[in-house]
Every structure is written in C-alpha cells, then in structure tokens.
C-alpha cells in the first residue's frame, strides 16, 4: 500500500520537475555509493574543451553535495519552486518551461567559464525561486517563523542565510542575476516594447512536449504571472520557508 501511494504521488509530479529532481537524487546516490566520484561531475572548462567530457555541462547541475542537511535543504526548495512554476505560470507550457531551463543553464555555464564555480545546481534553484517570487509579488512569506516578508525578498533572504552558513555568495548571486535576465526578457520587456519577445521556444519543442490545450482552465491568482491584480485584496499566504532540520 505504501509503495502504491508513493508511486502515485511520484507520478503526480509534473514531468520536468519529476525528471530534474529524480536526476539530482540518482546522481547524489551514485556518489554516496561510490559508483561515481564528484571529480567526474564538477564543471571543468579544460576537461570539457580538451578532453570532450561534455557530460560535465549537465552533471554540474545535478549534484548538491553528499546526503545531509545541505542536500535536503536544496532539494526541498528545488522541488517546491520548480513544481509551483510548472503547475502555475507554465501550466500546459512544458516546452516554454524547458526553454527557461536551457536559457538559465546556458547563461550560467558561460559565466562559469570566468568564475571558479564547480557545481551550479544551487544557482539553478535560486533562479527558479527568483522567477517565482517576481511573478508572485504579493504573497507573504514566513522564514523559520522569524522573518515575515513579501515574496520578491525571498532570494535575498536565502542569500543572506547562505552567507551565514559560510557559503560563497557568488552561486546565489549568479542565480539571482540569471533569474532577473529571464524575468526581464520574458515579463518586462514585452510590456514596454510592443510585445517584443526575444526568447522564443522552438516549434519542435512545442510539438514534442506541450500537451493539448486545456479548456476553461483559470489558474489561481498566486500562479498567474505578475501576481495578484492591483485592485484586488491579496490574501496573506504563508508558504513554508526552507524546512528547518
């Protein structure tokens, strides 16, 4: 019974969220069981360009460290905000969601050639958090039961918390910068330049990934791009912050 319940919950996850989180967990388990070494996974431009170890372009986004607090911390946030984006503003737009991943990963890899960063999974998580927070600016957040703030401040709260834990700020700053680039190009620029759209999802991705359009689906306010209407009364919603271990 427990197996069927877990399997049902797993299959209820949207496809991109399910694929990415599964890949992260499998990669971490493989390292934990000594099937592979982190030295085979980290981002190394010289090995990529000279020895054609191109898999590092992918594995750098899949390893969050050995199983422990840091891994659980990041996976909870990755799963939560990836799923909320995919089921919210990207509902029935799987191809556009994949395009967002490709755009973010490409920018991060380009910057990683100039910044000494080994693993970029945390930056990708912060990018997801940033995009969600900018599209839901009126949602109230609660962090560890201590801080109360509106959603757009969440990436900066996470940055401060990461610094308090002794981590380098560059990974989170990269995620925030890339997230802002996507948000500006996708949400801000088209409103000021006569619907100018620079990021265009290839048609083959749409044909391959997008389901048939749903009729009469109206997403809840917290899932609509741009958050609530200015004239509406936005209820205070307190999504769980990062889980305290």
Protein backbone atom coordinates (compact mmCIF):
# COMPACT_ATOMS: atom_id res chain seq x y z
CA UNK A 1 0.00 0.00 0.00
CA UNK A 2 2.79 2.43 0.91
CA UNK A 3 4.57 1.64 -2.35
CA UNK A 4 1.46 2.37 -4.41
CA UNK A 5 0.87 5.63 -2.51
CA UNK A 6 4.44 6.78 -3.08
CA UNK A 7 4.31 5.75 -6.72
CA UNK A 8 1.04 7.63 -7.20
CA UNK A 9 2.46 10.77 -5.59
CA UNK A 10 5.61 10.48 -7.68
CA UNK A 11 3.67 10.14 -10.92
CA UNK A 12 1.51 13.13 -9.95
CA UNK A 13 4.57 15.37 -10.15
CA UNK A 14 4.74 17.42 -13.36
CA UNK A 15 7.19 15.92 -15.89
CA UNK A 16 10.06 18.44 -15.80
CA UNK A 17 10.04 18.64 -12.01
CA UNK A 18 9.94 14.85 -11.78
CA UNK A 19 12.77 14.40 -14.27
CA UNK A 20 15.08 17.01 -12.74
CA UNK A 21 14.60 16.07 -9.08
CA UNK A 22 14.96 12.37 -9.94
CA UNK A 23 18.21 13.04 -11.79
CA UNK A 24 19.52 15.00 -8.79
CA UNK A 25 18.63 12.24 -6.32
CA UNK A 26 20.09 9.48 -8.52
CA UNK A 27 23.32 11.44 -9.03
CA UNK A 28 23.68 12.02 -5.28
CA UNK A 29 23.00 8.35 -4.52
CA UNK A 30 25.57 7.32 -7.12
CA UNK A 31 28.18 9.48 -5.39
CA UNK A 32 27.10 8.26 -1.94
CA UNK A 33 27.51 4.63 -3.07
CA UNK A 34 30.88 5.36 -4.72
CA UNK A 35 29.57 4.48 -8.16
CA UNK A 36 30.91 7.81 -9.42
CA UNK A 37 33.12 10.47 -7.91
CA UNK A 38 32.35 14.19 -7.60
CA UNK A 39 35.59 14.71 -9.54
CA UNK A 40 33.84 13.18 -12.54
CA UNK A 41 30.88 15.56 -12.24
CA UNK A 42 32.14 19.07 -11.49
CA UNK A 43 32.38 21.84 -14.06
CA UNK A 44 35.88 21.97 -15.57
CA UNK A 45 36.28 24.02 -18.77
CA UNK A 46 39.65 22.47 -19.65
CA UNK A 47 38.36 18.90 -19.43
CA UNK A 48 35.25 19.87 -21.40
CA UNK A 49 37.11 21.60 -24.21
CA UNK A 50 40.27 19.49 -24.43
CA UNK A 51 39.07 16.03 -23.43
CA UNK A 52 35.47 16.44 -24.62
CA UNK A 53 33.97 15.48 -21.24
CA UNK A 54 30.74 17.19 -22.25
CA UNK A 55 28.65 15.38 -19.63
CA UNK A 56 30.04 17.87 -17.11
CA UNK A 57 27.80 20.52 -18.70
CA UNK A 58 24.86 18.55 -17.29
CA UNK A 59 26.20 16.92 -14.13
CA UNK A 60 27.29 20.27 -12.70
CA UNK A 61 23.56 20.99 -12.21
CA UNK A 62 22.73 17.60 -10.66
CA UNK A 63 25.00 17.27 -7.63
CA UNK A 64 24.15 19.17 -4.43
CA UNK A 65 26.66 17.50 -2.14
CA UNK A 66 26.53 14.35 -0.06
CA UNK A 67 23.25 13.39 1.59
CA UNK A 68 22.77 15.62 4.60
CA UNK A 69 21.25 18.91 5.68
CA UNK A 70 22.57 20.92 2.72
CA UNK A 71 21.31 18.35 0.21
CA UNK A 72 17.82 18.13 1.76
CA UNK A 73 17.72 21.91 2.12
CA UNK A 74 18.36 22.45 -1.59
CA UNK A 75 16.20 19.59 -2.82
CA UNK A 76 13.16 20.82 -0.88
CA UNK A 77 13.46 24.25 -2.45
CA UNK A 78 14.22 22.85 -5.91
CA UNK A 79 11.20 20.55 -5.83
CA UNK A 80 8.86 23.14 -4.31
CA UNK A 81 9.52 26.09 -6.60
CA UNK A 82 10.12 24.04 -9.71
CA UNK A 83 6.75 22.39 -9.22
CA UNK A 84 4.93 25.63 -8.40
CA UNK A 85 6.28 27.24 -11.57
CA UNK A 86 5.47 24.24 -13.74
CA UNK A 87 1.94 23.89 -12.37
CA UNK A 88 1.39 27.64 -12.25
CA UNK A 89 2.54 30.14 -14.85
CA UNK A 90 3.95 27.35 -17.04
CA UNK A 91 0.90 25.12 -16.87
CA UNK A 92 0.41 23.36 -20.25
CA UNK A 93 3.60 25.12 -21.43
CA UNK A 94 6.17 22.39 -20.82
CA UNK A 95 8.24 23.46 -23.82
CA UNK A 96 8.49 27.03 -22.51
CA UNK A 97 9.49 25.67 -19.10
CA UNK A 98 12.24 23.54 -20.66
CA UNK A 99 13.33 26.61 -22.64
CA UNK A 100 13.63 28.53 -19.37
CA UNK A 101 15.92 25.78 -18.01
CA UNK A 102 18.04 25.83 -21.18
CA UNK A 103 18.31 29.61 -21.13
CA UNK A 104 19.33 29.69 -17.47
CA UNK A 105 21.77 26.79 -17.75
CA UNK A 106 23.43 28.31 -20.82
CA UNK A 107 23.99 31.68 -19.16
CA UNK A 108 25.34 30.02 -16.02
CA UNK A 109 27.77 27.88 -18.00
CA UNK A 110 29.04 30.92 -19.92
CA UNK A 111 29.63 32.82 -16.66
CA UNK A 112 31.19 29.75 -15.03
CA UNK A 113 33.98 29.90 -17.62
CA UNK A 114 35.06 33.16 -15.95
CA UNK A 115 34.10 32.42 -12.33
CA UNK A 116 35.58 29.47 -10.50
CA UNK A 117 32.39 27.58 -9.63
CA UNK A 118 32.34 23.79 -9.59
CA UNK A 119 28.64 22.97 -9.19
CA UNK A 120 25.76 25.11 -10.45
CA UNK A 121 22.69 23.28 -9.12
CA UNK A 122 22.17 25.74 -6.27
CA UNK A 123 22.33 28.66 -8.71
CA UNK A 124 19.64 27.00 -10.82
CA UNK A 125 17.47 26.59 -7.71
CA UNK A 126 17.86 30.27 -6.83
CA UNK A 127 16.92 31.16 -10.41
CA UNK A 128 13.66 29.21 -10.03
CA UNK A 129 12.96 30.90 -6.69
CA UNK A 130 13.67 34.34 -8.16
CA UNK A 131 11.37 33.90 -11.17
CA UNK A 132 8.55 32.54 -8.98
CA UNK A 133 8.96 35.36 -6.47
CA UNK A 134 8.84 38.09 -9.11
CA UNK A 135 5.70 36.59 -10.64
CA UNK A 136 4.01 36.43 -7.25
CA UNK A 137 4.99 39.71 -5.57
CA UNK A 138 2.09 39.95 -3.12
CA UNK A 139 2.42 36.57 -1.45
CA UNK A 140 3.55 36.82 2.16
CA UNK A 141 6.38 34.52 3.21
CA UNK A 142 7.45 33.23 6.60
CA UNK A 143 11.04 32.08 7.08
CA UNK A 144 11.71 29.81 10.05
CA UNK A 145 8.86 31.51 11.90
CA UNK A 146 11.07 34.57 12.46
CA UNK A 147 11.03 36.71 9.32
CA UNK A 148 7.89 37.86 7.53
CA UNK A 149 8.27 39.43 4.12
CA UNK A 150 6.79 39.52 0.63
CA UNK A 151 7.88 37.00 -1.99
CA UNK A 152 10.29 39.23 -4.01
CA UNK A 153 12.59 39.40 -0.99
CA UNK A 154 12.89 35.60 -0.72
CA UNK A 155 16.01 35.19 -2.94
CA UNK A 156 17.81 37.86 -0.92
CA UNK A 157 16.81 36.22 2.37
CA UNK A 158 18.19 32.93 1.07
CA UNK A 159 21.39 34.70 0.00
CA UNK A 160 21.83 36.13 3.50
CA UNK A 161 21.12 32.75 5.09
CA UNK A 162 23.66 31.10 2.79
CA UNK A 163 26.31 33.63 3.80
CA UNK A 164 25.53 32.99 7.48
CA UNK A 165 26.18 29.30 6.85
CA UNK A 166 29.62 30.19 5.49
CA UNK A 167 28.88 29.57 1.80
CA UNK A 168 30.19 31.72 -1.02
CA UNK A 169 27.65 34.32 -2.19
CA UNK A 170 28.62 34.00 -5.87
CA UNK A 171 26.47 30.96 -6.55
CA UNK A 172 23.29 32.62 -5.24
CA UNK A 173 24.16 35.92 -6.91
CA UNK A 174 24.56 34.13 -10.23
CA UNK A 175 21.14 32.51 -9.80
CA UNK A 176 19.55 35.88 -8.97
CA UNK A 177 21.22 37.57 -11.97
CA UNK A 178 20.18 34.86 -14.42
CA UNK A 179 16.67 34.77 -12.98
CA UNK A 180 16.39 38.53 -13.42
CA UNK A 181 17.59 38.29 -17.03
CA UNK A 182 14.86 35.77 -17.80
CA UNK A 183 12.20 37.74 -15.93
CA UNK A 184 13.13 40.96 -17.72
CA UNK A 185 13.18 39.40 -21.19
CA UNK A 186 10.02 37.37 -20.70
CA UNK A 187 7.80 39.55 -18.47
CA UNK A 188 9.04 43.14 -18.50
CA UNK A 189 10.39 43.87 -21.97
CA UNK A 190 7.28 42.73 -23.93
CA UNK A 191 5.14 45.18 -21.92
CA UNK A 192 7.31 48.18 -22.85
CA UNK A 193 8.34 47.32 -26.42
CA UNK A 194 5.08 46.47 -28.19
CA UNK A 195 5.05 42.78 -27.26
CA UNK A 196 8.68 42.32 -28.29
CA UNK A 197 9.62 38.73 -27.44
CA UNK A 198 13.28 37.78 -27.64
CA UNK A 199 13.05 34.32 -26.07
CA UNK A 200 11.12 32.12 -28.47
CA UNK A 201 10.62 28.43 -27.87
CA UNK A 202 11.40 26.34 -30.98
CA UNK A 203 8.33 24.82 -32.60
CA UNK A 204 9.77 21.31 -32.46
CA UNK A 205 9.94 21.58 -28.65
CA UNK A 206 6.32 22.71 -28.52
CA UNK A 207 5.20 19.83 -30.74
CA UNK A 208 7.28 17.38 -28.72
CA UNK A 209 6.47 18.46 -25.16
CA UNK A 210 3.32 20.57 -24.96
CA UNK A 211 0.06 18.73 -24.17
CA UNK A 212 -3.23 19.52 -25.82
CA UNK A 213 -4.58 22.86 -24.51
CA UNK A 214 -6.93 22.67 -21.56
CA UNK A 215 -10.29 24.35 -21.91
CA UNK A 216 -11.76 26.68 -19.29
CA UNK A 217 -8.73 26.49 -17.01
CA UNK A 218 -8.25 29.58 -14.88
CA UNK A 219 -5.11 29.38 -12.69
CA UNK A 220 -5.36 30.66 -9.11
CA UNK A 221 -4.03 34.19 -8.51
CA UNK A 222 -0.78 33.05 -6.92
CA UNK A 223 0.11 31.16 -10.10
CA UNK A 224 -0.59 33.96 -12.57
CA UNK A 225 2.42 35.86 -13.96
CA UNK A 226 2.71 39.21 -12.22
CA UNK A 227 0.91 38.14 -9.05
CA UNK A 228 -2.47 39.47 -7.96
CA UNK A 229 -4.42 42.31 -9.57
CA UNK A 230 -3.60 45.72 -8.19
CA UNK A 231 -7.19 46.39 -7.21
CA UNK A 232 -7.79 43.04 -5.55
CA UNK A 233 -7.45 42.11 -1.93
CA UNK A 234 -4.49 39.77 -1.84
CA UNK A 235 -4.86 37.21 0.95
CA UNK A 236 -1.84 36.53 3.04
CA UNK A 237 -0.45 33.15 2.08
CA UNK A 238 2.43 31.76 4.01
CA UNK A 239 4.17 29.06 2.00
CA UNK A 240 6.57 27.04 4.06
CA UNK A 241 10.03 28.51 4.02
CA UNK A 242 13.08 26.29 3.93
CA UNK A 243 12.46 23.39 6.22
CA UNK A 244 14.31 23.51 9.47
CA UNK A 245 16.20 20.32 10.01
